[in-house]
Structure formats: C-alpha cells, structure tokens
Amino acid sequence: MGKFIYNDRIRTDFEDRLLAHLQLVITTKLRRGEAFTFMWRNDQSIGDGRQVVWLHPGADLNWQYFGSRQPSLNPAWLDALSHVANSPTGLYVVPEPQATGARPSSETME
C-alpha cells in the first residue's frame, strides 16, 4: 500500500498500482494548469465517509510507494481515470477495465 499525501496533512492509502495510475493522471492535469477535485472513499477505520480535495498546480502533493518496482500501466485505465477527471465531478477511482496493452511506466500521457 502506497500513500497519497496532500498538503502534508491528508494521507490516504492506495494500492501501489492504482497510485501509479492516479499519479500520472493527476500530474498530467496539473502540468496543463488544470485545477479539479479528487474524491475517494475513506477507510472504515476512520468513518467510511468520503474525502474530497481541490487539486491545483500549487498544491503540495506527495506519492509514497510501498514497493520498489514501478508497476505496468494499463492505458484503458488511464483513459477511464482521465475521462472522470475531466468531468464536472472530478477524479475518483473507477474499476480497472481489461487491459488493451501495458504502457511502460516511464511514459507520460499527453
């Protein structure tokens, strides 16, 4: 389990592979100067509610991975996450669709 850290105060766990996909989608939008919301469901241990943060190019973000290997990326999942990130509701986790081919982890979405 990796951690997504927002403004050094909000920390939430995501599986490393999901976190790698979120990192790519988020950094792509922020590199373009786009602000948006990111929402996830909290763990039951802290209330099972939702957390929503406003992401903008000046936000202090940190991704900490548990594993040392970079996971392969699923282009279909990147597309699905990008689609919701560009919607009025903002980014939220969607189930991983069937992979159409793995993208090397060093590639960027443009």
PDB file of N, CA and C in Angstrom:
ATOM      1  N   MET A   1       0.827  -1.188   0.000  1.00  0.00           N
ATOM      2  CA  MET A   1       0.000   0.000   0.000  1.00  0.00           C
ATOM      3  C   MET A   1       0.867   1.245   0.000  1.00  0.00           C
ATOM      4  N   GLY A   2       0.626   2.096  -0.978  1.00  0.00           N
ATOM      5  CA  GLY A   2       1.301   3.375  -1.034  1.00  0.00           C
ATOM      6  C   GLY A   2       0.443   4.443  -0.386  1.00  0.00           C
ATOM      7  N   LYS A   3       0.972   5.628  -0.283  1.00  0.00           N
ATOM      8  CA  LYS A   3       0.241   6.741   0.328  1.00  0.00           C
ATOM      9  C   LYS A   3       0.174   7.927  -0.622  1.00  0.00           C
ATOM     10  N   PHE A   4      -1.006   8.548  -0.676  1.00  0.00           N
ATOM     11  CA  PHE A   4      -1.192   9.826  -1.341  1.00  0.00           C
ATOM     12  C   PHE A   4      -1.245  10.857  -0.219  1.00  0.00           C
ATOM     13  N   ILE A   5      -0.374  11.851  -0.292  1.00  0.00           N
ATOM     14  CA  ILE A   5      -0.297  12.868   0.764  1.00  0.00           C
ATOM     15  C   ILE A   5      -0.581  14.222   0.137  1.00  0.00           C
ATOM     16  N   TYR A   6      -1.553  14.920   0.718  1.00  0.00           N
ATOM     17  CA  TYR A   6      -1.986  16.230   0.216  1.00  0.00           C
ATOM     18  C   TYR A   6      -1.701  17.282   1.279  1.00  0.00           C
ATOM     19  N   ASN A   7      -0.955  18.296   0.910  1.00  0.00           N
ATOM     20  CA  ASN A   7      -0.615  19.417   1.793  1.00  0.00           C
ATOM     21  C   ASN A   7      -0.059  18.965   3.141  1.00  0.00           C
ATOM     22  N   ASP A   8       0.654  17.844   3.136  1.00  0.00           N
ATOM     23  CA  ASP A   8       1.336  17.303   4.312  1.00  0.00           C
ATOM     24  C   ASP A   8       0.397  17.012   5.486  1.00  0.00           C
ATOM     25  N   ARG A   9      -0.922  17.027   5.257  1.00  0.00           N
ATOM     26  CA  ARG A   9      -1.876  16.773   6.344  1.00  0.00           C
ATOM     27  C   ARG A   9      -2.803  15.619   6.034  1.00  0.00           C
ATOM     28  N   ILE A  10      -3.255  15.535   4.811  1.00  0.00           N
ATOM     29  CA  ILE A  10      -4.209  14.491   4.444  1.00  0.00           C
ATOM     30  C   ILE A  10      -3.425  13.349   3.827  1.00  0.00           C
ATOM     31  N   ARG A  11      -3.547  12.185   4.430  1.00  0.00           N
ATOM     32  CA  ARG A  11      -2.830  10.992   3.963  1.00  0.00           C
ATOM     33  C   ARG A  11      -3.837   9.874   3.793  1.00  0.00           C
ATOM     34  N   THR A  12      -3.774   9.224   2.648  1.00  0.00           N
ATOM     35  CA  THR A  12      -4.652   8.075   2.420  1.00  0.00           C
ATOM     36  C   THR A  12      -3.896   6.986   1.687  1.00  0.00           C
ATOM     37  N   ASP A  13      -4.269   5.761   1.954  1.00  0.00           N
ATOM     38  CA  ASP A  13      -3.603   4.608   1.353  1.00  0.00           C
ATOM     39  C   ASP A  13      -4.288   4.200   0.061  1.00  0.00           C
ATOM     40  N   PHE A  14      -3.475   3.888  -0.933  1.00  0.00           N
ATOM     41  CA  PHE A  14      -3.923   3.300  -2.188  1.00  0.00           C
ATOM     42  C   PHE A  14      -2.941   2.195  -2.537  1.00  0.00           C
ATOM     43  N   GLU A  15      -3.422   1.158  -3.159  1.00  0.00           N
ATOM     44  CA  GLU A  15      -2.554   0.092  -3.650  1.00  0.00           C
ATOM     45  C   GLU A  15      -1.569   0.730  -4.644  1.00  0.00           C
ATOM     46  N   ASP A  16      -0.320   0.278  -4.642  1.00  0.00           N
ATOM     47  CA  ASP A  16       0.731   0.894  -5.457  1.00  0.00           C
ATOM     48  C   ASP A  16       0.350   1.029  -6.932  1.00  0.00           C
ATOM     49  N   ARG A  17      -0.253   0.013  -7.501  1.00  0.00           N
ATOM     50  CA  ARG A  17      -0.591   0.056  -8.933  1.00  0.00           C
ATOM     51  C   ARG A  17      -1.628   1.128  -9.218  1.00  0.00           C
ATOM     52  N   LEU A  18      -2.655   1.210  -8.374  1.00  0.00           N
ATOM     53  CA  LEU A  18      -3.651   2.271  -8.522  1.00  0.00           C
ATOM     54  C   LEU A  18      -2.994   3.628  -8.324  1.00  0.00           C
ATOM     55  N   LEU A  19      -2.148   3.751  -7.329  1.00  0.00           N
ATOM     56  CA  LEU A  19      -1.485   5.023  -7.043  1.00  0.00           C
ATOM     57  C   LEU A  19      -0.658   5.496  -8.239  1.00  0.00           C
ATOM     58  N   ALA A  20       0.005   4.581  -8.928  1.00  0.00           N
ATOM     59  CA  ALA A  20       0.793   4.952 -10.111  1.00  0.00           C
ATOM     60  C   ALA A  20      -0.104   5.518 -11.206  1.00  0.00           C
ATOM     61  N   HIS A  21      -1.275   4.935 -11.395  1.00  0.00           N
ATOM     62  CA  HIS A  21      -2.222   5.441 -12.395  1.00  0.00           C
ATOM     63  C   HIS A  21      -2.753   6.812 -11.984  1.00  0.00           C
ATOM     64  N   LEU A  22      -3.101   6.959 -10.703  1.00  0.00           N
ATOM     65  CA  LEU A  22      -3.592   8.261 -10.219  1.00  0.00           C
ATOM     66  C   LEU A  22      -2.517   9.331 -10.361  1.00  0.00           C
ATOM     67  N   GLN A  23      -1.281   8.987 -10.024  1.00  0.00           N
ATOM     68  CA  GLN A  23      -0.194   9.955 -10.124  1.00  0.00           C
ATOM     69  C   GLN A  23      -0.055  10.475 -11.552  1.00  0.00           C
ATOM     70  N   LEU A  24      -0.108   9.592 -12.522  1.00  0.00           N
ATOM     71  CA  LEU A  24       0.047  10.005 -13.912  1.00  0.00           C
ATOM     72  C   LEU A  24      -1.107  10.899 -14.365  1.00  0.00           C
ATOM     73  N   VAL A  25      -2.328  10.537 -14.016  1.00  0.00           N
ATOM     74  CA  VAL A  25      -3.494  11.349 -14.399  1.00  0.00           C
ATOM     75  C   VAL A  25      -3.438  12.714 -13.721  1.00  0.00           C
ATOM     76  N   ILE A  26      -3.146  12.729 -12.424  1.00  0.00           N
ATOM     77  CA  ILE A  26      -3.103  13.991 -11.670  1.00  0.00           C
ATOM     78  C   ILE A  26      -1.984  14.900 -12.175  1.00  0.00           C
ATOM     79  N   THR A  27      -0.786  14.362 -12.329  1.00  0.00           N
ATOM     80  CA  THR A  27       0.318  15.228 -12.762  1.00  0.00           C
ATOM     81  C   THR A  27       0.116  15.735 -14.182  1.00  0.00           C
ATOM     82  N   THR A  28      -0.518  14.952 -15.029  1.00  0.00           N
ATOM     83  CA  THR A  28      -0.803  15.413 -16.389  1.00  0.00           C
ATOM     84  C   THR A  28      -1.732  16.622 -16.358  1.00  0.00           C
ATOM     85  N   LYS A  29      -2.795  16.543 -15.564  1.00  0.00           N
ATOM     86  CA  LYS A  29      -3.735  17.666 -15.477  1.00  0.00           C
ATOM     87  C   LYS A  29      -3.066  18.895 -14.858  1.00  0.00           C
ATOM     88  N   LEU A  30      -2.292  18.698 -13.809  1.00  0.00           N
ATOM     89  CA  LEU A  30      -1.647  19.833 -13.144  1.00  0.00           C
ATOM     90  C   LEU A  30      -0.580  20.471 -14.034  1.00  0.00           C
ATOM     91  N   ARG A  31       0.116  19.656 -14.803  1.00  0.00           N
ATOM     92  CA  ARG A  31       1.117  20.188 -15.745  1.00  0.00           C
ATOM     93  C   ARG A  31       0.452  21.088 -16.787  1.00  0.00           C
ATOM     94  N   ARG A  32      -0.794  20.787 -17.106  1.00  0.00           N
ATOM     95  CA  ARG A  32      -1.563  21.605 -18.057  1.00  0.00           C
ATOM     96  C   ARG A  32      -2.186  22.842 -17.391  1.00  0.00           C
ATOM     97  N   GLY A  33      -1.979  22.987 -16.086  1.00  0.00           N
ATOM     98  CA  GLY A  33      -2.527  24.133 -15.367  1.00  0.00           C
ATOM     99  C   GLY A  33      -3.989  23.961 -14.985  1.00  0.00           C
ATOM    100  N   GLU A  34      -4.502  22.743 -15.000  1.00  0.00           N
ATOM    101  CA  GLU A  34      -5.912  22.481 -14.711  1.00  0.00           C
ATOM    102  C   GLU A  34      -6.110  22.162 -13.232  1.00  0.00           C
ATOM    103  N   ALA A  35      -7.081  22.806 -12.610  1.00  0.00           N
ATOM    104  CA  ALA A  35      -7.474  22.505 -11.237  1.00  0.00           C
ATOM    105  C   ALA A  35      -8.732  21.636 -11.284  1.00  0.00           C
ATOM    106  N   PHE A  36      -8.887  20.748 -10.295  1.00  0.00           N
ATOM    107  CA  PHE A  36     -10.019  19.824 -10.280  1.00  0.00           C
ATOM    108  C   PHE A  36     -10.137  19.198  -8.900  1.00  0.00           C
ATOM    109  N   THR A  37     -11.244  18.521  -8.644  1.00  0.00           N
ATOM    110  CA  THR A  37     -11.407  17.819  -7.378  1.00  0.00           C
ATOM    111  C   THR A  37     -10.979  16.365  -7.530  1.00  0.00           C
ATOM    112  N   PHE A  38     -10.532  15.805  -6.430  1.00  0.00           N
ATOM    113  CA  PHE A  38     -10.179  14.390  -6.339  1.00  0.00           C
ATOM    114  C   PHE A  38     -10.902  13.842  -5.123  1.00  0.00           C
ATOM    115  N   MET A  39     -11.706  12.803  -5.333  1.00  0.00           N
ATOM    116  CA  MET A  39     -12.526  12.251  -4.274  1.00  0.00           C
ATOM    117  C   MET A  39     -12.229  10.762  -4.110  1.00  0.00           C
ATOM    118  N   TRP A  40     -12.206  10.307  -2.871  1.00  0.00           N
ATOM    119  CA  TRP A  40     -12.058   8.881  -2.596  1.00  0.00           C
ATOM    120  C   TRP A  40     -12.866   8.539  -1.354  1.00  0.00           C
ATOM    121  N   ARG A  41     -13.087   7.266  -1.185  1.00  0.00           N
ATOM    122  CA  ARG A  41     -13.825   6.784  -0.024  1.00  0.00           C
ATOM    123  C   ARG A  41     -12.824   6.468   1.086  1.00  0.00           C
ATOM    124  N   ASN A  42     -13.098   6.965   2.280  1.00  0.00           N
ATOM    125  CA  ASN A  42     -12.214   6.718   3.415  1.00  0.00           C
ATOM    126  C   ASN A  42     -12.331   5.277   3.894  1.00  0.00           C
ATOM    127  N   ASP A  43     -11.283   4.822   4.540  1.00  0.00           N
ATOM    128  CA  ASP A  43     -11.283   3.505   5.140  1.00  0.00           C
ATOM    129  C   ASP A  43     -12.310   3.469   6.271  1.00  0.00           C
ATOM    130  N   GLN A  44     -12.889   2.312   6.485  1.00  0.00           N
ATOM    131  CA  GLN A  44     -13.906   2.154   7.506  1.00  0.00           C
ATOM    132  C   GLN A  44     -13.376   2.508   8.896  1.00  0.00           C
ATOM    133  N   SER A  45     -12.080   2.356   9.114  1.00  0.00           N
ATOM    134  CA  SER A  45     -11.488   2.650  10.419  1.00  0.00           C
ATOM    135  C   SER A  45     -11.570   4.131  10.786  1.00  0.00           C
ATOM    136  N   ILE A  46     -11.763   5.003   9.781  1.00  0.00           N
ATOM    137  CA  ILE A  46     -11.890   6.437  10.076  1.00  0.00           C
ATOM    138  C   ILE A  46     -13.256   6.981   9.689  1.00  0.00           C
ATOM    139  N   GLY A  47     -14.241   6.103   9.584  1.00  0.00           N
ATOM    140  CA  GLY A  47     -15.594   6.586   9.394  1.00  0.00           C
ATOM    141  C   GLY A  47     -16.284   6.185   8.114  1.00  0.00           C
ATOM    142  N   ASP A  48     -15.572   5.606   7.162  1.00  0.00           N
ATOM    143  CA  ASP A  48     -16.182   5.115   5.931  1.00  0.00           C
ATOM    144  C   ASP A  48     -16.869   6.212   5.118  1.00  0.00           C
ATOM    145  N   GLY A  49     -16.469   7.451   5.310  1.00  0.00           N
ATOM    146  CA  GLY A  49     -17.047   8.549   4.544  1.00  0.00           C
ATOM    147  C   GLY A  49     -16.241   8.824   3.283  1.00  0.00           C
ATOM    148  N   ARG A  50     -16.444  10.007   2.717  1.00  0.00           N
ATOM    149  CA  ARG A  50     -15.707  10.420   1.524  1.00  0.00           C
ATOM    150  C   ARG A  50     -14.781  11.562   1.884  1.00  0.00           C
ATOM    151  N   GLN A  51     -13.702  11.644   1.150  1.00  0.00           N
ATOM    152  CA  GLN A  51     -12.765  12.761   1.270  1.00  0.00           C
ATOM    153  C   GLN A  51     -12.690  13.411  -0.100  1.00  0.00           C
ATOM    154  N   VAL A  52     -12.754  14.727  -0.141  1.00  0.00           N
ATOM    155  CA  VAL A  52     -12.631  15.454  -1.404  1.00  0.00           C
ATOM    156  C   VAL A  52     -11.594  16.551  -1.201  1.00  0.00           C
ATOM    157  N   VAL A  53     -10.622  16.618  -2.117  1.00  0.00           N
ATOM    158  CA  VAL A  53      -9.618  17.675  -2.065  1.00  0.00           C
ATOM    159  C   VAL A  53      -9.624  18.424  -3.395  1.00  0.00           C
ATOM    160  N   TRP A  54      -9.273  19.686  -3.336  1.00  0.00           N
ATOM    161  CA  TRP A  54      -9.166  20.538  -4.514  1.00  0.00           C
ATOM    162  C   TRP A  54      -7.708  20.522  -4.940  1.00  0.00           C
ATOM    163  N   LEU A  55      -7.441  19.952  -6.101  1.00  0.00           N
ATOM    164  CA  LEU A  55      -6.083  19.883  -6.620  1.00  0.00           C
ATOM    165  C   LEU A  55      -5.861  21.014  -7.607  1.00  0.00           C
ATOM    166  N   HIS A  56      -4.739  21.683  -7.468  1.00  0.00           N
ATOM    167  CA  HIS A  56      -4.382  22.806  -8.328  1.00  0.00           C
ATOM    168  C   HIS A  56      -2.872  22.785  -8.512  1.00  0.00           C
ATOM    169  N   PRO A  57      -2.361  23.490  -9.510  1.00  0.00           N
ATOM    170  CA  PRO A  57      -0.925  23.421  -9.791  1.00  0.00           C
ATOM    171  C   PRO A  57      -0.021  23.781  -8.606  1.00  0.00           C
ATOM    172  N   GLY A  58      -0.499  24.549  -7.639  1.00  0.00           N
ATOM    173  CA  GLY A  58       0.322  24.913  -6.487  1.00  0.00           C
ATOM    174  C   GLY A  58       0.167  23.984  -5.295  1.00  0.00           C
ATOM    175  N   ALA A  59      -0.632  22.933  -5.427  1.00  0.00           N
ATOM    176  CA  ALA A  59      -0.873  22.017  -4.310  1.00  0.00           C
ATOM    177  C   ALA A  59       0.392  21.233  -3.967  1.00  0.00           C
ATOM    178  N   ASP A  60       0.568  20.969  -2.685  1.00  0.00           N
ATOM    179  CA  ASP A  60       1.696  20.180  -2.201  1.00  0.00           C
ATOM    180  C   ASP A  60       1.270  18.709  -2.186  1.00  0.00           C
ATOM    181  N   LEU A  61       1.754  17.953  -3.167  1.00  0.00           N
ATOM    182  CA  LEU A  61       1.370  16.547  -3.307  1.00  0.00           C
ATOM    183  C   LEU A  61       2.588  15.654  -3.151  1.00  0.00           C
ATOM    184  N   ASN A  62       2.363  14.492  -2.583  1.00  0.00           N
ATOM    185  CA  ASN A  62       3.436  13.530  -2.404  1.00  0.00           C
ATOM    186  C   ASN A  62       2.854  12.138  -2.587  1.00  0.00           C
ATOM    187  N   TRP A  63       3.582  11.292  -3.305  1.00  0.00           N
ATOM    188  CA  TRP A  63       3.189   9.906  -3.509  1.00  0.00           C
ATOM    189  C   TRP A  63       4.283   9.047  -2.902  1.00  0.00           C
ATOM    190  N   GLN A  64       3.929   8.201  -1.948  1.00  0.00           N
ATOM    191  CA  GLN A  64       4.899   7.294  -1.350  1.00  0.00           C
ATOM    192  C   GLN A  64       4.479   5.869  -1.681  1.00  0.00           C
ATOM    193  N   TYR A  65       5.370   5.136  -2.313  1.00  0.00           N
ATOM    194  CA  TYR A  65       5.086   3.765  -2.725  1.00  0.00           C
ATOM    195  C   TYR A  65       5.694   2.771  -1.748  1.00  0.00           C
ATOM    196  N   PHE A  66       4.987   1.688  -1.527  1.00  0.00           N
ATOM    197  CA  PHE A  66       5.482   0.630  -0.656  1.00  0.00           C
ATOM    198  C   PHE A  66       6.553  -0.181  -1.381  1.00  0.00           C
ATOM    199  N   GLY A  67       6.292  -0.559  -2.614  1.00  0.00           N
ATOM    200  CA  GLY A  67       7.219  -1.385  -3.389  1.00  0.00           C
ATOM    201  C   GLY A  67       8.260  -0.555  -4.111  1.00  0.00           C
ATOM    202  N   SER A  68       9.350  -1.215  -4.499  1.00  0.00           N
ATOM    203  CA  SER A  68      10.426  -0.507  -5.192  1.00  0.00           C
ATOM    204  C   SER A  68      10.276  -0.566  -6.712  1.00  0.00           C
ATOM    205  N   ARG A  69       9.465  -1.472  -7.216  1.00  0.00           N
ATOM    206  CA  ARG A  69       9.279  -1.596  -8.663  1.00  0.00           C
ATOM    207  C   ARG A  69       8.126  -0.740  -9.141  1.00  0.00           C
ATOM    208  N   GLN A  70       8.327  -0.134 -10.305  1.00  0.00           N
ATOM    209  CA  GLN A  70       7.250   0.647 -10.896  1.00  0.00           C
ATOM    210  C   GLN A  70       6.289  -0.308 -11.591  1.00  0.00           C
ATOM    211  N   PRO A  71       5.004  -0.218 -11.260  1.00  0.00           N
ATOM    212  CA  PRO A  71       4.037  -1.126 -11.885  1.00  0.00           C
ATOM    213  C   PRO A  71       3.797  -0.781 -13.348  1.00  0.00           C
ATOM    214  N   SER A  72       3.375  -1.782 -14.120  1.00  0.00           N
ATOM    215  CA  SER A  72       2.999  -1.515 -15.508  1.00  0.00           C
ATOM    216  C   SER A  72       1.686  -0.740 -15.498  1.00  0.00           C
ATOM    217  N   LEU A  73       1.494   0.051 -16.525  1.00  0.00           N
ATOM    218  CA  LEU A  73       0.304   0.885 -16.610  1.00  0.00           C
ATOM    219  C   LEU A  73      -0.661   0.343 -17.650  1.00  0.00           C
ATOM    220  N   ASN A  74      -1.938   0.408 -17.330  1.00  0.00           N
ATOM    221  CA  ASN A  74      -2.999  -0.035 -18.217  1.00  0.00           C
ATOM    222  C   ASN A  74      -3.554   1.201 -18.936  1.00  0.00           C
ATOM    223  N   PRO A  75      -3.307   1.349 -20.244  1.00  0.00           N
ATOM    224  CA  PRO A  75      -3.787   2.527 -20.974  1.00  0.00           C
ATOM    225  C   PRO A  75      -5.308   2.712 -20.879  1.00  0.00           C
ATOM    226  N   ALA A  76      -6.052   1.607 -20.842  1.00  0.00           N
ATOM    227  CA  ALA A  76      -7.513   1.722 -20.737  1.00  0.00           C
ATOM    228  C   ALA A  76      -7.912   2.310 -19.393  1.00  0.00           C
ATOM    229  N   TRP A  77      -7.190   1.971 -18.333  1.00  0.00           N
ATOM    230  CA  TRP A  77      -7.481   2.518 -17.010  1.00  0.00           C
ATOM    231  C   TRP A  77      -7.080   3.992 -16.948  1.00  0.00           C
ATOM    232  N   LEU A  78      -5.947   4.337 -17.554  1.00  0.00           N
ATOM    233  CA  LEU A  78      -5.546   5.743 -17.615  1.00  0.00           C
ATOM    234  C   LEU A  78      -6.602   6.569 -18.352  1.00  0.00           C
ATOM    235  N   ASP A  79      -7.119   6.030 -19.451  1.00  0.00           N
ATOM    236  CA  ASP A  79      -8.170   6.726 -20.204  1.00  0.00           C
ATOM    237  C   ASP A  79      -9.430   6.895 -19.359  1.00  0.00           C
ATOM    238  N   ALA A  80      -9.827   5.836 -18.649  1.00  0.00           N
ATOM    239  CA  ALA A  80     -11.037   5.899 -17.819  1.00  0.00           C
ATOM    240  C   ALA A  80     -10.872   6.912 -16.691  1.00  0.00           C
ATOM    241  N   LEU A  81      -9.722   6.894 -16.028  1.00  0.00           N
ATOM    242  CA  LEU A  81      -9.465   7.856 -14.951  1.00  0.00           C
ATOM    243  C   LEU A  81      -9.385   9.282 -15.491  1.00  0.00           C
ATOM    244  N   SER A  82      -8.769   9.458 -16.649  1.00  0.00           N
ATOM    245  CA  SER A  82      -8.689  10.793 -17.264  1.00  0.00           C
ATOM    246  C   SER A  82     -10.072  11.304 -17.638  1.00  0.00           C
ATOM    247  N   HIS A  83     -10.906  10.404 -18.119  1.00  0.00           N
ATOM    248  CA  HIS A  83     -12.277  10.791 -18.505  1.00  0.00           C
ATOM    249  C   HIS A  83     -13.043  11.341 -17.295  1.00  0.00           C
ATOM    250  N   VAL A  84     -13.002  10.638 -16.167  1.00  0.00           N
ATOM    251  CA  VAL A  84     -13.734  11.146 -14.993  1.00  0.00           C
ATOM    252  C   VAL A  84     -13.063  12.388 -14.423  1.00  0.00           C
ATOM    253  N   ALA A  85     -11.733  12.467 -14.513  1.00  0.00           N
ATOM    254  CA  ALA A  85     -11.029  13.659 -14.019  1.00  0.00           C
ATOM    255  C   ALA A  85     -11.433  14.906 -14.796  1.00  0.00           C
ATOM    256  N   ASN A  86     -11.807  14.733 -16.059  1.00  0.00           N
ATOM    257  CA  ASN A  86     -12.220  15.859 -16.896  1.00  0.00           C
ATOM    258  C   ASN A  86     -13.716  16.138 -16.820  1.00  0.00           C
ATOM    259  N   SER A  87     -14.432  15.372 -16.018  1.00  0.00           N
ATOM    260  CA  SER A  87     -15.878  15.574 -15.876  1.00  0.00           C
ATOM    261  C   SER A  87     -16.157  16.589 -14.764  1.00  0.00           C
ATOM    262  N   PRO A  88     -17.381  17.095 -14.682  1.00  0.00           N
ATOM    263  CA  PRO A  88     -17.727  18.048 -13.617  1.00  0.00           C
ATOM    264  C   PRO A  88     -17.563  17.475 -12.207  1.00  0.00           C
ATOM    265  N   THR A  89     -17.654  16.164 -12.047  1.00  0.00           N
ATOM    266  CA  THR A  89     -17.495  15.570 -10.714  1.00  0.00           C
ATOM    267  C   THR A  89     -16.049  15.469 -10.285  1.00  0.00           C
ATOM    268  N   GLY A  90     -15.109  15.540 -11.211  1.00  0.00           N
ATOM    269  CA  GLY A  90     -13.701  15.437 -10.881  1.00  0.00           C
ATOM    270  C   GLY A  90     -13.239  13.997 -10.809  1.00  0.00           C
ATOM    271  N   LEU A  91     -11.995  13.809 -10.393  1.00  0.00           N
ATOM    272  CA  LEU A  91     -11.368  12.498 -10.369  1.00  0.00           C
ATOM    273  C   LEU A  91     -11.865  11.665  -9.198  1.00  0.00           C
ATOM    274  N   TYR A  92     -12.172  10.414  -9.474  1.00  0.00           N
ATOM    275  CA  TYR A  92     -12.464   9.415  -8.458  1.00  0.00           C
ATOM    276  C   TYR A  92     -12.032   8.072  -9.025  1.00  0.00           C
ATOM    277  N   VAL A  93     -11.847   7.105  -8.160  1.00  0.00           N
ATOM    278  CA  VAL A  93     -11.360   5.794  -8.579  1.00  0.00           C
ATOM    279  C   VAL A  93     -12.469   5.024  -9.278  1.00  0.00           C
ATOM    280  N   VAL A  94     -12.159   4.542 -10.463  1.00  0.00           N
ATOM    281  CA  VAL A  94     -13.071   3.681 -11.221  1.00  0.00           C
ATOM    282  C   VAL A  94     -12.414   2.310 -11.340  1.00  0.00           C
ATOM    283  N   PRO A  95     -13.218   1.251 -11.504  1.00  0.00           N
ATOM    284  CA  PRO A  95     -12.631  -0.088 -11.637  1.00  0.00           C
ATOM    285  C   PRO A  95     -11.719  -0.173 -12.856  1.00  0.00           C
ATOM    286  N   GLU A  96     -10.708  -1.001 -12.737  1.00  0.00           N
ATOM    287  CA  GLU A  96      -9.775  -1.174 -13.850  1.00  0.00           C
ATOM    288  C   GLU A  96     -10.437  -1.958 -14.976  1.00  0.00           C
ATOM    289  N   PRO A  97     -10.485  -1.374 -16.179  1.00  0.00           N
ATOM    290  CA  PRO A  97     -11.003  -2.121 -17.329  1.00  0.00           C
ATOM    291  C   PRO A  97      -9.964  -3.130 -17.818  1.00  0.00           C
ATOM    292  N   GLN A  98     -10.402  -4.018 -18.658  1.00  0.00           N
ATOM    293  CA  GLN A  98      -9.492  -5.000 -19.252  1.00  0.00           C
ATOM    294  C   GLN A  98      -8.383  -4.271 -19.989  1.00  0.00           C
ATOM    295  N   ALA A  99      -7.156  -4.676 -19.782  1.00  0.00           N
ATOM    296  CA  ALA A  99      -6.006  -4.026 -20.426  1.00  0.00           C
ATOM    297  C   ALA A  99      -5.999  -4.312 -21.920  1.00  0.00           C
ATOM    298  N   THR A 100      -5.676  -3.285 -22.686  1.00  0.00           N
ATOM    299  CA  THR A 100      -5.521  -3.458 -24.132  1.00  0.00           C
ATOM    300  C   THR A 100      -4.048  -3.509 -24.501  1.00  0.00           C
ATOM    301  N   GLY A 101      -3.202  -3.400 -23.512  1.00  0.00           N
ATOM    302  CA  GLY A 101      -1.751  -3.413 -23.723  1.00  0.00           C
ATOM    303  C   GLY A 101      -1.103  -2.591 -22.628  1.00  0.00           C
ATOM    304  N   ALA A 102      -0.032  -3.066 -22.072  1.00  0.00           N
ATOM    305  CA  ALA A 102       0.631  -2.347 -20.983  1.00  0.00           C
ATOM    306  C   ALA A 102       1.502  -1.231 -21.545  1.00  0.00           C
ATOM    307  N   ARG A 103       1.450  -0.111 -20.887  1.00  0.00           N
ATOM    308  CA  ARG A 103       2.267   1.047 -21.251  1.00  0.00           C
ATOM    309  C   ARG A 103       3.449   1.084 -20.293  1.00  0.00           C
ATOM    310  N   PRO A 104       4.662   1.284 -20.768  1.00  0.00           N
ATOM    311  CA  PRO A 104       5.788   1.383 -19.844  1.00  0.00           C
ATOM    312  C   PRO A 104       5.553   2.487 -18.821  1.00  0.00           C
ATOM    313  N   SER A 105       5.987   2.272 -17.607  1.00  0.00           N
ATOM    314  CA  SER A 105       5.684   3.208 -16.531  1.00  0.00           C
ATOM    315  C   SER A 105       6.359   4.558 -16.687  1.00  0.00           C
ATOM    316  N   SER A 106       7.392   4.669 -17.510  1.00  0.00           N
ATOM    317  CA  SER A 106       8.057   5.950 -17.677  1.00  0.00           C
ATOM    318  C   SER A 106       7.389   6.838 -18.725  1.00  0.00           C
ATOM    319  N   GLU A 107       6.426   6.297 -19.461  1.00  0.00           N
ATOM    320  CA  GLU A 107       5.709   7.081 -20.474  1.00  0.00           C
ATOM    321  C   GLU A 107       4.772   8.078 -19.808  1.00  0.00           C
ATOM    322  N   THR A 108       4.520   9.195 -20.455  1.00  0.00           N
ATOM    323  CA  THR A 108       3.566  10.160 -19.936  1.00  0.00           C
ATOM    324  C   THR A 108       2.353  10.219 -20.829  1.00  0.00           C
ATOM    325  N   MET A 109       1.253  10.639 -20.261  1.00  0.00           N
ATOM    326  CA  MET A 109       0.015  10.815 -21.029  1.00  0.00           C
ATOM    327  C   MET A 109      -0.008  12.228 -21.573  1.00  0.00           C
ATOM    328  N   GLU A 110      -0.195  12.372 -22.796  1.00  0.00           N
ATOM    329  CA  GLU A 110      -0.356  13.708 -23.397  1.00  0.00           C
ATOM    330  C   GLU A 110      -1.462  13.652 -24.410  1.00  0.00           C
TER     331      GLU A 110
END
